[in-house]
Amino acid sequence: MQNTLWPQYSFHIALMEGRVVACAGAERHGQVIVVCSVAVLPPYRDRGIAKHLVSAVLVRARAEGCERAVLATAKCPGFFSRYGFSLVSTTSLPVSLRNSHTLTSPGMPAGVCMQCELK
């Protein structure tokens, strides 16, 4: 059962100099989150901001009882492997996850995603 403390979608943002410079989100499906929308404006990259935001998303998911995290990325698999994510076929995911908004968005890689256990 989904915990009502965490809505289906949640976002973490980084503010610097009075503006949003980065974000990371999660789309919740029961005990699984789909990490989404990890982005940092170019002038603010290489400062560890994405690292802190992704960590915050995963810590929150664990605290809310999520057991697994999934994400789709074509650009940064090395970055996410630091958090325990590994490549898997999307066919190994339940249909509800394969049909999630994030994994079916235009521009997402087809057939491959990453996942990690949050225990």
PDB file of N, CA and C in Angstrom:
ATOM      1  N   MET A   1       0.834  -1.180   0.000  1.00  0.00           N
ATOM      2  CA  MET A   1       0.000   0.000   0.000  1.00  0.00           C
ATOM      3  C   MET A   1       0.883   1.249   0.000  1.00  0.00           C
ATOM      4  N   GLN A   2       0.533   2.200  -0.821  1.00  0.00           N
ATOM      5  CA  GLN A   2       1.321   3.429  -0.927  1.00  0.00           C
ATOM      6  C   GLN A   2       1.131   4.292   0.307  1.00  0.00           C
ATOM      7  N   ASN A   3       2.232   4.792   0.823  1.00  0.00           N
ATOM      8  CA  ASN A   3       2.199   5.679   1.978  1.00  0.00           C
ATOM      9  C   ASN A   3       1.706   7.042   1.520  1.00  0.00           C
ATOM     10  N   THR A   4       0.710   7.569   2.193  1.00  0.00           N
ATOM     11  CA  THR A   4       0.147   8.857   1.770  1.00  0.00           C
ATOM     12  C   THR A   4       1.046  10.037   2.100  1.00  0.00           C
ATOM     13  N   LEU A   5       2.122   9.797   2.870  1.00  0.00           N
ATOM     14  CA  LEU A   5       3.056  10.886   3.149  1.00  0.00           C
ATOM     15  C   LEU A   5       3.877  11.241   1.919  1.00  0.00           C
ATOM     16  N   TRP A   6       3.994  10.324   0.987  1.00  0.00           N
ATOM     17  CA  TRP A   6       4.765  10.554  -0.225  1.00  0.00           C
ATOM     18  C   TRP A   6       3.779  10.518  -1.397  1.00  0.00           C
ATOM     19  N   PRO A   7       3.514  11.641  -2.042  1.00  0.00           N
ATOM     20  CA  PRO A   7       2.608  11.623  -3.181  1.00  0.00           C
ATOM     21  C   PRO A   7       3.216  10.822  -4.330  1.00  0.00           C
ATOM     22  N   GLN A   8       2.430  10.544  -5.358  1.00  0.00           N
ATOM     23  CA  GLN A   8       2.939   9.745  -6.466  1.00  0.00           C
ATOM     24  C   GLN A   8       4.181  10.387  -7.089  1.00  0.00           C
ATOM     25  N   TYR A   9       4.214  11.709  -7.150  1.00  0.00           N
ATOM     26  CA  TYR A   9       5.377  12.408  -7.691  1.00  0.00           C
ATOM     27  C   TYR A   9       5.955  13.307  -6.610  1.00  0.00           C
ATOM     28  N   SER A  10       7.269  13.331  -6.514  1.00  0.00           N
ATOM     29  CA  SER A  10       7.916  14.255  -5.582  1.00  0.00           C
ATOM     30  C   SER A  10       9.202  14.766  -6.231  1.00  0.00           C
ATOM     31  N   PHE A  11       9.582  15.973  -5.858  1.00  0.00           N
ATOM     32  CA  PHE A  11      10.788  16.576  -6.421  1.00  0.00           C
ATOM     33  C   PHE A  11      11.626  17.213  -5.335  1.00  0.00           C
ATOM     34  N   HIS A  12      12.923  17.153  -5.536  1.00  0.00           N
ATOM     35  CA  HIS A  12      13.884  17.869  -4.711  1.00  0.00           C
ATOM     36  C   HIS A  12      14.536  18.885  -5.636  1.00  0.00           C
ATOM     37  N   ILE A  13      14.746  20.084  -5.143  1.00  0.00           N
ATOM     38  CA  ILE A  13      15.390  21.110  -5.956  1.00  0.00           C
ATOM     39  C   ILE A  13      16.576  21.704  -5.200  1.00  0.00           C
ATOM     40  N   ALA A  14      17.501  22.260  -5.956  1.00  0.00           N
ATOM     41  CA  ALA A  14      18.636  22.983  -5.376  1.00  0.00           C
ATOM     42  C   ALA A  14      18.494  24.447  -5.778  1.00  0.00           C
ATOM     43  N   LEU A  15      18.589  25.312  -4.781  1.00  0.00           N
ATOM     44  CA  LEU A  15      18.524  26.752  -5.005  1.00  0.00           C
ATOM     45  C   LEU A  15      19.897  27.364  -4.755  1.00  0.00           C
ATOM     46  N   MET A  16      20.334  28.190  -5.666  1.00  0.00           N
ATOM     47  CA  MET A  16      21.572  28.937  -5.498  1.00  0.00           C
ATOM     48  C   MET A  16      21.346  30.321  -6.076  1.00  0.00           C
ATOM     49  N   GLU A  17      21.819  31.305  -5.363  1.00  0.00           N
ATOM     50  CA  GLU A  17      21.691  32.684  -5.838  1.00  0.00           C
ATOM     51  C   GLU A  17      20.248  33.024  -6.182  1.00  0.00           C
ATOM     52  N   GLY A  18      19.302  32.471  -5.402  1.00  0.00           N
ATOM     53  CA  GLY A  18      17.900  32.787  -5.577  1.00  0.00           C
ATOM     54  C   GLY A  18      17.211  32.136  -6.757  1.00  0.00           C
ATOM     55  N   ARG A  19      17.826  31.128  -7.371  1.00  0.00           N
ATOM     56  CA  ARG A  19      17.191  30.470  -8.507  1.00  0.00           C
ATOM     57  C   ARG A  19      17.342  28.969  -8.425  1.00  0.00           C
ATOM     58  N   VAL A  20      16.412  28.272  -9.039  1.00  0.00           N
ATOM     59  CA  VAL A  20      16.487  26.814  -9.105  1.00  0.00           C
ATOM     60  C   VAL A  20      17.583  26.459 -10.098  1.00  0.00           C
ATOM     61  N   VAL A  21      18.579  25.691  -9.635  1.00  0.00           N
ATOM     62  CA  VAL A  21      19.700  25.328 -10.505  1.00  0.00           C
ATOM     63  C   VAL A  21      19.762  23.835 -10.793  1.00  0.00           C
ATOM     64  N   ALA A  22      18.975  23.041 -10.049  1.00  0.00           N
ATOM     65  CA  ALA A  22      19.006  21.592 -10.255  1.00  0.00           C
ATOM     66  C   ALA A  22      17.749  20.972  -9.664  1.00  0.00           C
ATOM     67  N   CYS A  23      17.442  19.765 -10.145  1.00  0.00           N
ATOM     68  CA  CYS A  23      16.295  19.039  -9.613  1.00  0.00           C
ATOM     69  C   CYS A  23      16.516  17.540  -9.751  1.00  0.00           C
ATOM     70  N   ALA A  24      15.775  16.790  -8.970  1.00  0.00           N
ATOM     71  CA  ALA A  24      15.717  15.331  -9.071  1.00  0.00           C
ATOM     72  C   ALA A  24      14.357  14.929  -8.541  1.00  0.00           C
ATOM     73  N   GLY A  25      13.696  14.044  -9.246  1.00  0.00           N
ATOM     74  CA  GLY A  25      12.352  13.658  -8.850  1.00  0.00           C
ATOM     75  C   GLY A  25      12.193  12.164  -8.728  1.00  0.00           C
ATOM     76  N   ALA A  26      10.999  11.779  -8.283  1.00  0.00           N
ATOM     77  CA  ALA A  26      10.654  10.369  -8.158  1.00  0.00           C
ATOM     78  C   ALA A  26       9.172  10.197  -8.449  1.00  0.00           C
ATOM     79  N   GLU A  27       8.873   9.134  -9.137  1.00  0.00           N
ATOM     80  CA  GLU A  27       7.508   8.729  -9.439  1.00  0.00           C
ATOM     81  C   GLU A  27       7.291   7.435  -8.673  1.00  0.00           C
ATOM     82  N   ARG A  28       6.391   7.432  -7.712  1.00  0.00           N
ATOM     83  CA  ARG A  28       6.214   6.267  -6.849  1.00  0.00           C
ATOM     84  C   ARG A  28       5.170   5.310  -7.394  1.00  0.00           C
ATOM     85  N   HIS A  29       5.530   4.025  -7.334  1.00  0.00           N
ATOM     86  CA  HIS A  29       4.635   2.936  -7.722  1.00  0.00           C
ATOM     87  C   HIS A  29       4.709   1.889  -6.616  1.00  0.00           C
ATOM     88  N   GLY A  30       3.851   2.018  -5.617  1.00  0.00           N
ATOM     89  CA  GLY A  30       3.875   1.080  -4.492  1.00  0.00           C
ATOM     90  C   GLY A  30       5.187   1.181  -3.743  1.00  0.00           C
ATOM     91  N   GLN A  31       5.925   0.087  -3.690  1.00  0.00           N
ATOM     92  CA  GLN A  31       7.199   0.037  -2.973  1.00  0.00           C
ATOM     93  C   GLN A  31       8.397   0.326  -3.872  1.00  0.00           C
ATOM     94  N   VAL A  32       8.146   0.852  -5.058  1.00  0.00           N
ATOM     95  CA  VAL A  32       9.215   1.146  -6.025  1.00  0.00           C
ATOM     96  C   VAL A  32       9.112   2.608  -6.433  1.00  0.00           C
ATOM     97  N   ILE A  33      10.256   3.273  -6.547  1.00  0.00           N
ATOM     98  CA  ILE A  33      10.278   4.619  -7.114  1.00  0.00           C
ATOM     99  C   ILE A  33      10.995   4.576  -8.456  1.00  0.00           C
ATOM    100  N   VAL A  34      10.537   5.411  -9.349  1.00  0.00           N
ATOM    101  CA  VAL A  34      11.224   5.623 -10.621  1.00  0.00           C
ATOM    102  C   VAL A  34      11.870   6.997 -10.512  1.00  0.00           C
ATOM    103  N   VAL A  35      13.186   7.034 -10.468  1.00  0.00           N
ATOM    104  CA  VAL A  35      13.933   8.288 -10.371  1.00  0.00           C
ATOM    105  C   VAL A  35      13.806   9.004 -11.711  1.00  0.00           C
ATOM    106  N   CYS A  36      13.550  10.308 -11.665  1.00  0.00           N
ATOM    107  CA  CYS A  36      13.348  11.037 -12.912  1.00  0.00           C
ATOM    108  C   CYS A  36      13.845  12.476 -12.800  1.00  0.00           C
ATOM    109  N   SER A  37      13.974  13.087 -13.930  1.00  0.00           N
ATOM    110  CA  SER A  37      14.235  14.528 -14.032  1.00  0.00           C
ATOM    111  C   SER A  37      15.457  14.997 -13.255  1.00  0.00           C
ATOM    112  N   VAL A  38      16.532  14.211 -13.295  1.00  0.00           N
ATOM    113  CA  VAL A  38      17.776  14.651 -12.656  1.00  0.00           C
ATOM    114  C   VAL A  38      18.475  15.575 -13.643  1.00  0.00           C
ATOM    115  N   ALA A  39      18.609  16.836 -13.249  1.00  0.00           N
ATOM    116  CA  ALA A  39      19.199  17.830 -14.148  1.00  0.00           C
ATOM    117  C   ALA A  39      19.849  18.944 -13.345  1.00  0.00           C
ATOM    118  N   VAL A  40      20.959  19.444 -13.887  1.00  0.00           N
ATOM    119  CA  VAL A  40      21.673  20.563 -13.282  1.00  0.00           C
ATOM    120  C   VAL A  40      22.006  21.544 -14.401  1.00  0.00           C
ATOM    121  N   LEU A  41      21.725  22.816 -14.177  1.00  0.00           N
ATOM    122  CA  LEU A  41      22.070  23.823 -15.176  1.00  0.00           C
ATOM    123  C   LEU A  41      23.582  23.811 -15.423  1.00  0.00           C
ATOM    124  N   PRO A  42      24.014  23.974 -16.676  1.00  0.00           N
ATOM    125  CA  PRO A  42      25.445  23.873 -17.007  1.00  0.00           C
ATOM    126  C   PRO A  42      26.395  24.690 -16.128  1.00  0.00           C
ATOM    127  N   PRO A  43      26.112  25.942 -15.794  1.00  0.00           N
ATOM    128  CA  PRO A  43      27.078  26.690 -14.977  1.00  0.00           C
ATOM    129  C   PRO A  43      27.265  26.131 -13.555  1.00  0.00           C
ATOM    130  N   TYR A  44      26.366  25.238 -13.123  1.00  0.00           N
ATOM    131  CA  TYR A  44      26.410  24.724 -11.756  1.00  0.00           C
ATOM    132  C   TYR A  44      26.842  23.260 -11.686  1.00  0.00           C
ATOM    133  N   ARG A  45      27.250  22.704 -12.799  1.00  0.00           N
ATOM    134  CA  ARG A  45      27.672  21.300 -12.827  1.00  0.00           C
ATOM    135  C   ARG A  45      29.050  21.135 -12.189  1.00  0.00           C
ATOM    136  N   ASP A  46      29.362  19.887 -11.876  1.00  0.00           N
ATOM    137  CA  ASP A  46      30.654  19.520 -11.261  1.00  0.00           C
ATOM    138  C   ASP A  46      30.845  20.142  -9.888  1.00  0.00           C
ATOM    139  N   ARG A  47      29.754  20.341  -9.168  1.00  0.00           N
ATOM    140  CA  ARG A  47      29.811  20.854  -7.802  1.00  0.00           C
ATOM    141  C   ARG A  47      29.207  19.864  -6.800  1.00  0.00           C
ATOM    142  N   GLY A  48      28.803  18.685  -7.289  1.00  0.00           N
ATOM    143  CA  GLY A  48      28.214  17.685  -6.405  1.00  0.00           C
ATOM    144  C   GLY A  48      26.732  17.884  -6.141  1.00  0.00           C
ATOM    145  N   ILE A  49      26.095  18.788  -6.873  1.00  0.00           N
ATOM    146  CA  ILE A  49      24.682  19.078  -6.623  1.00  0.00           C
ATOM    147  C   ILE A  49      23.810  17.877  -6.975  1.00  0.00           C
ATOM    148  N   ALA A  50      24.034  17.276  -8.138  1.00  0.00           N
ATOM    149  CA  ALA A  50      23.236  16.111  -8.542  1.00  0.00           C
ATOM    150  C   ALA A  50      23.419  14.970  -7.542  1.00  0.00           C
ATOM    151  N   LYS A  51      24.633  14.795  -7.067  1.00  0.00           N
ATOM    152  CA  LYS A  51      24.912  13.751  -6.078  1.00  0.00           C
ATOM    153  C   LYS A  51      24.043  13.940  -4.838  1.00  0.00           C
ATOM    154  N   HIS A  52      23.965  15.160  -4.342  1.00  0.00           N
ATOM    155  CA  HIS A  52      23.168  15.440  -3.150  1.00  0.00           C
ATOM    156  C   HIS A  52      21.671  15.246  -3.416  1.00  0.00           C
ATOM    157  N   LEU A  53      21.205  15.651  -4.566  1.00  0.00           N
ATOM    158  CA  LEU A  53      19.787  15.507  -4.874  1.00  0.00           C
ATOM    159  C   LEU A  53      19.384  14.049  -5.037  1.00  0.00           C
ATOM    160  N   VAL A  54      20.182  13.273  -5.759  1.00  0.00           N
ATOM    161  CA  VAL A  54      19.869  11.851  -5.925  1.00  0.00           C
ATOM    162  C   VAL A  54      19.926  11.146  -4.573  1.00  0.00           C
ATOM    163  N   SER A  55      20.916  11.474  -3.766  1.00  0.00           N
ATOM    164  CA  SER A  55      20.988  10.896  -2.420  1.00  0.00           C
ATOM    165  C   SER A  55      19.733  11.226  -1.622  1.00  0.00           C
ATOM    166  N   ALA A  56      19.257  12.461  -1.717  1.00  0.00           N
ATOM    167  CA  ALA A  56      18.048  12.867  -0.990  1.00  0.00           C
ATOM    168  C   ALA A  56      16.828  12.077  -1.457  1.00  0.00           C
ATOM    169  N   VAL A  57      16.701  11.872  -2.761  1.00  0.00           N
ATOM    170  CA  VAL A  57      15.584  11.089  -3.302  1.00  0.00           C
ATOM    171  C   VAL A  57      15.634   9.663  -2.759  1.00  0.00           C
ATOM    172  N   LEU A  58      16.821   9.055  -2.754  1.00  0.00           N
ATOM    173  CA  LEU A  58      16.942   7.670  -2.298  1.00  0.00           C
ATOM    174  C   LEU A  58      16.751   7.539  -0.788  1.00  0.00           C
ATOM    175  N   VAL A  59      17.261   8.501  -0.025  1.00  0.00           N
ATOM    176  CA  VAL A  59      17.073   8.482   1.441  1.00  0.00           C
ATOM    177  C   VAL A  59      15.587   8.603   1.764  1.00  0.00           C
ATOM    178  N   ARG A  60      14.915   9.514   1.087  1.00  0.00           N
ATOM    179  CA  ARG A  60      13.475   9.688   1.325  1.00  0.00           C
ATOM    180  C   ARG A  60      12.715   8.415   0.971  1.00  0.00           C
ATOM    181  N   ALA A  61      13.068   7.798  -0.138  1.00  0.00           N
ATOM    182  CA  ALA A  61      12.388   6.563  -0.551  1.00  0.00           C
ATOM    183  C   ALA A  61      12.578   5.462   0.493  1.00  0.00           C
ATOM    184  N   ARG A  62      13.809   5.312   0.978  1.00  0.00           N
ATOM    185  CA  ARG A  62      14.063   4.308   2.025  1.00  0.00           C
ATOM    186  C   ARG A  62      13.252   4.615   3.280  1.00  0.00           C
ATOM    187  N   ALA A  63      13.239   5.871   3.688  1.00  0.00           N
ATOM    188  CA  ALA A  63      12.517   6.271   4.893  1.00  0.00           C
ATOM    189  C   ALA A  63      11.021   6.012   4.763  1.00  0.00           C
ATOM    190  N   GLU A  64      10.500   6.078   3.556  1.00  0.00           N
ATOM    191  CA  GLU A  64       9.076   5.842   3.316  1.00  0.00           C
ATOM    192  C   GLU A  64       8.776   4.378   3.024  1.00  0.00           C
ATOM    193  N   GLY A  65       9.788   3.494   3.143  1.00  0.00           N
ATOM    194  CA  GLY A  65       9.557   2.064   2.991  1.00  0.00           C
ATOM    195  C   GLY A  65       9.687   1.505   1.596  1.00  0.00           C
ATOM    196  N   CYS A  66      10.196   2.290   0.661  1.00  0.00           N
ATOM    197  CA  CYS A  66      10.402   1.750  -0.690  1.00  0.00           C
ATOM    198  C   CYS A  66      11.517   0.709  -0.664  1.00  0.00           C
ATOM    199  N   GLU A  67      11.381  -0.279  -1.516  1.00  0.00           N
ATOM    200  CA  GLU A  67      12.338  -1.381  -1.550  1.00  0.00           C
ATOM    201  C   GLU A  67      13.263  -1.361  -2.764  1.00  0.00           C
ATOM    202  N   ARG A  68      12.866  -0.624  -3.803  1.00  0.00           N
ATOM    203  CA  ARG A  68      13.664  -0.628  -5.024  1.00  0.00           C
ATOM    204  C   ARG A  68      13.521   0.707  -5.733  1.00  0.00           C
ATOM    205  N   ALA A  69      14.560   1.084  -6.463  1.00  0.00           N
ATOM    206  CA  ALA A  69      14.529   2.282  -7.296  1.00  0.00           C
ATOM    207  C   ALA A  69      14.882   1.876  -8.721  1.00  0.00           C
ATOM    208  N   VAL A  70      14.212   2.502  -9.674  1.00  0.00           N
ATOM    209  CA  VAL A  70      14.414   2.233 -11.088  1.00  0.00           C
ATOM    210  C   VAL A  70      14.616   3.573 -11.775  1.00  0.00           C
ATOM    211  N   LEU A  71      15.396   3.593 -12.844  1.00  0.00           N
ATOM    212  CA  LEU A  71      15.540   4.807 -13.641  1.00  0.00           C
ATOM    213  C   LEU A  71      15.907   4.460 -15.066  1.00  0.00           C
ATOM    214  N   ALA A  72      15.643   5.392 -15.950  1.00  0.00           N
ATOM    215  CA  ALA A  72      16.034   5.252 -17.351  1.00  0.00           C
ATOM    216  C   ALA A  72      17.028   6.358 -17.648  1.00  0.00           C
ATOM    217  N   THR A  73      18.162   5.983 -18.190  1.00  0.00           N
ATOM    218  CA  THR A  73      19.141   6.996 -18.588  1.00  0.00           C
ATOM    219  C   THR A  73      19.950   6.474 -19.763  1.00  0.00           C
ATOM    220  N   ALA A  74      20.169   7.339 -20.714  1.00  0.00           N
ATOM    221  CA  ALA A  74      21.010   6.995 -21.848  1.00  0.00           C
ATOM    222  C   ALA A  74      22.349   7.706 -21.740  1.00  0.00           C
ATOM    223  N   LYS A  75      22.433   8.666 -20.815  1.00  0.00           N
ATOM    224  CA  LYS A  75      23.604   9.526 -20.769  1.00  0.00           C
ATOM    225  C   LYS A  75      24.561   9.259 -19.624  1.00  0.00           C
ATOM    226  N   CYS A  76      24.079   8.819 -18.483  1.00  0.00           N
ATOM    227  CA  CYS A  76      24.921   8.793 -17.287  1.00  0.00           C
ATOM    228  C   CYS A  76      24.880   7.492 -16.499  1.00  0.00           C
ATOM    229  N   PRO A  77      24.981   6.328 -17.121  1.00  0.00           N
ATOM    230  CA  PRO A  77      24.911   5.107 -16.314  1.00  0.00           C
ATOM    231  C   PRO A  77      26.041   5.010 -15.294  1.00  0.00           C
ATOM    232  N   GLY A  78      27.208   5.546 -15.588  1.00  0.00           N
ATOM    233  CA  GLY A  78      28.323   5.518 -14.643  1.00  0.00           C
ATOM    234  C   GLY A  78      28.029   6.309 -13.379  1.00  0.00           C
ATOM    235  N   PHE A  79      27.356   7.429 -13.525  1.00  0.00           N
ATOM    236  CA  PHE A  79      26.991   8.256 -12.367  1.00  0.00           C
ATOM    237  C   PHE A  79      26.082   7.466 -11.429  1.00  0.00           C
ATOM    238  N   PHE A  80      25.064   6.817 -11.968  1.00  0.00           N
ATOM    239  CA  PHE A  80      24.091   6.120 -11.140  1.00  0.00           C
ATOM    240  C   PHE A  80      24.614   4.801 -10.578  1.00  0.00           C
ATOM    241  N   SER A  81      25.622   4.231 -11.206  1.00  0.00           N
ATOM    242  CA  SER A  81      26.178   2.980 -10.664  1.00  0.00           C
ATOM    243  C   SER A  81      26.802   3.209  -9.288  1.00  0.00           C
ATOM    244  N   ARG A  82      27.208   4.436  -8.970  1.00  0.00           N
ATOM    245  CA  ARG A  82      27.750   4.763  -7.642  1.00  0.00           C
ATOM    246  C   ARG A  82      26.752   4.499  -6.522  1.00  0.00           C
ATOM    247  N   TYR A  83      25.481   4.545  -6.859  1.00  0.00           N
ATOM    248  CA  TYR A  83      24.419   4.357  -5.875  1.00  0.00           C
ATOM    249  C   TYR A  83      23.922   2.908  -5.841  1.00  0.00           C
ATOM    250  N   GLY A  84      24.581   2.038  -6.582  1.00  0.00           N
ATOM    251  CA  GLY A  84      24.179   0.633  -6.607  1.00  0.00           C
ATOM    252  C   GLY A  84      23.274   0.271  -7.762  1.00  0.00           C
ATOM    253  N   PHE A  85      23.021   1.214  -8.677  1.00  0.00           N
ATOM    254  CA  PHE A  85      22.194   0.910  -9.834  1.00  0.00           C
ATOM    255  C   PHE A  85      22.973   0.062 -10.824  1.00  0.00           C
ATOM    256  N   SER A  86      22.280  -0.903 -11.427  1.00  0.00           N
ATOM    257  CA  SER A  86      22.881  -1.716 -12.483  1.00  0.00           C
ATOM    258  C   SER A  86      21.876  -1.840 -13.626  1.00  0.00           C
ATOM    259  N   LEU A  87      22.402  -2.092 -14.818  1.00  0.00           N
ATOM    260  CA  LEU A  87      21.566  -2.183 -16.009  1.00  0.00           C
ATOM    261  C   LEU A  87      20.703  -3.439 -15.969  1.00  0.00           C
ATOM    262  N   VAL A  88      19.453  -3.289 -16.355  1.00  0.00           N
ATOM    263  CA  VAL A  88      18.528  -4.411 -16.475  1.00  0.00           C
ATOM    264  C   VAL A  88      17.639  -4.169 -17.695  1.00  0.00           C
ATOM    265  N   SER A  89      17.049  -5.223 -18.183  1.00  0.00           N
ATOM    266  CA  SER A  89      16.098  -5.109 -19.278  1.00  0.00           C
ATOM    267  C   SER A  89      14.769  -4.611 -18.733  1.00  0.00           C
ATOM    268  N   THR A  90      14.124  -3.730 -19.458  1.00  0.00           N
ATOM    269  CA  THR A  90      12.825  -3.251 -19.005  1.00  0.00           C
ATOM    270  C   THR A  90      11.800  -4.382 -18.968  1.00  0.00           C
ATOM    271  N   THR A  91      12.030  -5.436 -19.737  1.00  0.00           N
ATOM    272  CA  THR A  91      11.092  -6.557 -19.719  1.00  0.00           C
ATOM    273  C   THR A  91      11.110  -7.297 -18.386  1.00  0.00           C
ATOM    274  N   SER A  92      12.144  -7.068 -17.570  1.00  0.00           N
ATOM    275  CA  SER A  92      12.199  -7.707 -16.254  1.00  0.00           C
ATOM    276  C   SER A  92      11.365  -6.957 -15.218  1.00  0.00           C
ATOM    277  N   LEU A  93      10.846  -5.787 -15.583  1.00  0.00           N
ATOM    278  CA  LEU A  93      10.045  -4.975 -14.665  1.00  0.00           C
ATOM    279  C   LEU A  93       8.571  -5.345 -14.772  1.00  0.00           C
ATOM    280  N   PRO A  94       7.832  -5.158 -13.685  1.00  0.00           N
ATOM    281  CA  PRO A  94       6.384  -5.346 -13.779  1.00  0.00           C
ATOM    282  C   PRO A  94       5.788  -4.385 -14.814  1.00  0.00           C
ATOM    283  N   VAL A  95       4.686  -4.770 -15.409  1.00  0.00           N
ATOM    284  CA  VAL A  95       4.052  -3.967 -16.448  1.00  0.00           C
ATOM    285  C   VAL A  95       3.742  -2.554 -15.958  1.00  0.00           C
ATOM    286  N   SER A  96       3.302  -2.421 -14.709  1.00  0.00           N
ATOM    287  CA  SER A  96       2.963  -1.088 -14.196  1.00  0.00           C
ATOM    288  C   SER A  96       4.169  -0.157 -14.232  1.00  0.00           C
ATOM    289  N   LEU A  97       5.368  -0.685 -13.975  1.00  0.00           N
ATOM    290  CA  LEU A  97       6.577   0.144 -14.048  1.00  0.00           C
ATOM    291  C   LEU A  97       6.963   0.422 -15.491  1.00  0.00           C
ATOM    292  N   ARG A  98       6.890  -0.588 -16.336  1.00  0.00           N
ATOM    293  CA  ARG A  98       7.230  -0.382 -17.753  1.00  0.00           C
ATOM    294  C   ARG A  98       6.343   0.687 -18.369  1.00  0.00           C
ATOM    295  N   ASN A  99       5.116   0.821 -17.868  1.00  0.00           N
ATOM    296  CA  ASN A  99       4.174   1.801 -18.400  1.00  0.00           C
ATOM    297  C   ASN A  99       4.177   3.112 -17.636  1.00  0.00           C
ATOM    298  N   SER A 100       5.136   3.290 -16.722  1.00  0.00           N
ATOM    299  CA  SER A 100       5.186   4.528 -15.945  1.00  0.00           C
ATOM    300  C   SER A 100       5.428   5.719 -16.862  1.00  0.00           C
ATOM    301  N   HIS A 101       4.972   6.871 -16.397  1.00  0.00           N
ATOM    302  CA  HIS A 101       5.151   8.100 -17.175  1.00  0.00           C
ATOM    303  C   HIS A 101       6.620   8.324 -17.535  1.00  0.00           C
ATOM    304  N   THR A 102       7.502   8.141 -16.557  1.00  0.00           N
ATOM    305  CA  THR A 102       8.924   8.402 -16.775  1.00  0.00           C
ATOM    306  C   THR A 102       9.536   7.451 -17.788  1.00  0.00           C
ATOM    307  N   LEU A 103       9.275   6.152 -17.645  1.00  0.00           N
ATOM    308  CA  LEU A 103       9.920   5.185 -18.535  1.00  0.00           C
ATOM    309  C   LEU A 103       9.342   5.177 -19.944  1.00  0.00           C
ATOM    310  N   THR A 104       8.170   5.777 -20.132  1.00  0.00           N
ATOM    311  CA  THR A 104       7.581   5.834 -21.470  1.00  0.00           C
ATOM    312  C   THR A 104       7.676   7.220 -22.101  1.00  0.00           C
ATOM    313  N   SER A 105       8.345   8.150 -21.436  1.00  0.00           N
ATOM    314  CA  SER A 105       8.475   9.505 -21.980  1.00  0.00           C
ATOM    315  C   SER A 105       9.339   9.503 -23.237  1.00  0.00           C
ATOM    316  N   PRO A 106       9.019  10.375 -24.183  1.00  0.00           N
ATOM    317  CA  PRO A 106       9.854  10.484 -25.382  1.00  0.00           C
ATOM    318  C   PRO A 106      11.299  10.786 -25.011  1.00  0.00           C
ATOM    319  N   GLY A 107      12.210  10.148 -25.709  1.00  0.00           N
ATOM    320  CA  GLY A 107      13.626  10.371 -25.466  1.00  0.00           C
ATOM    321  C   GLY A 107      14.253   9.402 -24.478  1.00  0.00           C
ATOM    322  N   MET A 108      13.432   8.616 -23.782  1.00  0.00           N
ATOM    323  CA  MET A 108      13.986   7.630 -22.857  1.00  0.00           C
ATOM    324  C   MET A 108      14.457   6.427 -23.654  1.00  0.00           C
ATOM    325  N   PRO A 109      15.564   5.824 -23.229  1.00  0.00           N
ATOM    326  CA  PRO A 109      16.069   4.664 -23.968  1.00  0.00           C
ATOM    327  C   PRO A 109      15.081   3.505 -23.882  1.00  0.00           C
ATOM    328  N   ALA A 110      14.865   2.851 -24.999  1.00  0.00           N
ATOM    329  CA  ALA A 110      13.938   1.721 -25.031  1.00  0.00           C
ATOM    330  C   ALA A 110      14.665   0.427 -24.670  1.00  0.00           C
ATOM    331  N   GLY A 111      14.010  -0.389 -23.874  1.00  0.00           N
ATOM    332  CA  GLY A 111      14.518  -1.727 -23.600  1.00  0.00           C
ATOM    333  C   GLY A 111      15.493  -1.866 -22.461  1.00  0.00           C
ATOM    334  N   VAL A 112      16.126  -0.770 -22.027  1.00  0.00           N
ATOM    335  CA  VAL A 112      17.134  -0.850 -20.975  1.00  0.00           C
ATOM    336  C   VAL A 112      16.848   0.203 -19.922  1.00  0.00           C
ATOM    337  N   CYS A 113      17.026  -0.179 -18.673  1.00  0.00           N
ATOM    338  CA  CYS A 113      16.920   0.779 -17.570  1.00  0.00           C
ATOM    339  C   CYS A 113      17.917   0.344 -16.505  1.00  0.00           C
ATOM    340  N   MET A 114      17.897   1.023 -15.394  1.00  0.00           N
ATOM    341  CA  MET A 114      18.776   0.680 -14.275  1.00  0.00           C
ATOM    342  C   MET A 114      17.905   0.509 -13.047  1.00  0.00           C
ATOM    343  N   GLN A 115      18.363  -0.315 -12.105  1.00  0.00           N
ATOM    344  CA  GLN A 115      17.632  -0.482 -10.861  1.00  0.00           C
ATOM    345  C   GLN A 115      18.603  -0.762  -9.725  1.00  0.00           C
ATOM    346  N   CYS A 116      18.146  -0.508  -8.498  1.00  0.00           N
ATOM    347  CA  CYS A 116      18.919  -0.860  -7.307  1.00  0.00           C
ATOM    348  C   CYS A 116      17.958  -1.194  -6.187  1.00  0.00           C
ATOM    349  N   GLU A 117      18.417  -2.019  -5.283  1.00  0.00           N
ATOM    350  CA  GLU A 117      17.647  -2.359  -4.088  1.00  0.00           C
ATOM    351  C   GLU A 117      17.902  -1.278  -3.041  1.00  0.00           C
ATOM    352  N   LEU A 118      16.891  -0.934  -2.284  1.00  0.00           N
ATOM    353  CA  LEU A 118      17.009   0.142  -1.293  1.00  0.00           C
ATOM    354  C   LEU A 118      17.066  -0.380   0.133  1.00  0.00           C
ATOM    355  N   LYS A 119      17.188  -1.653   0.319  1.00  0.00           N
ATOM    356  CA  LYS A 119      17.220  -2.213   1.676  1.00  0.00           C
ATOM    357  C   LYS A 119      18.539  -1.973   2.334  1.00  0.00           C
TER     358      LYS A 119
END
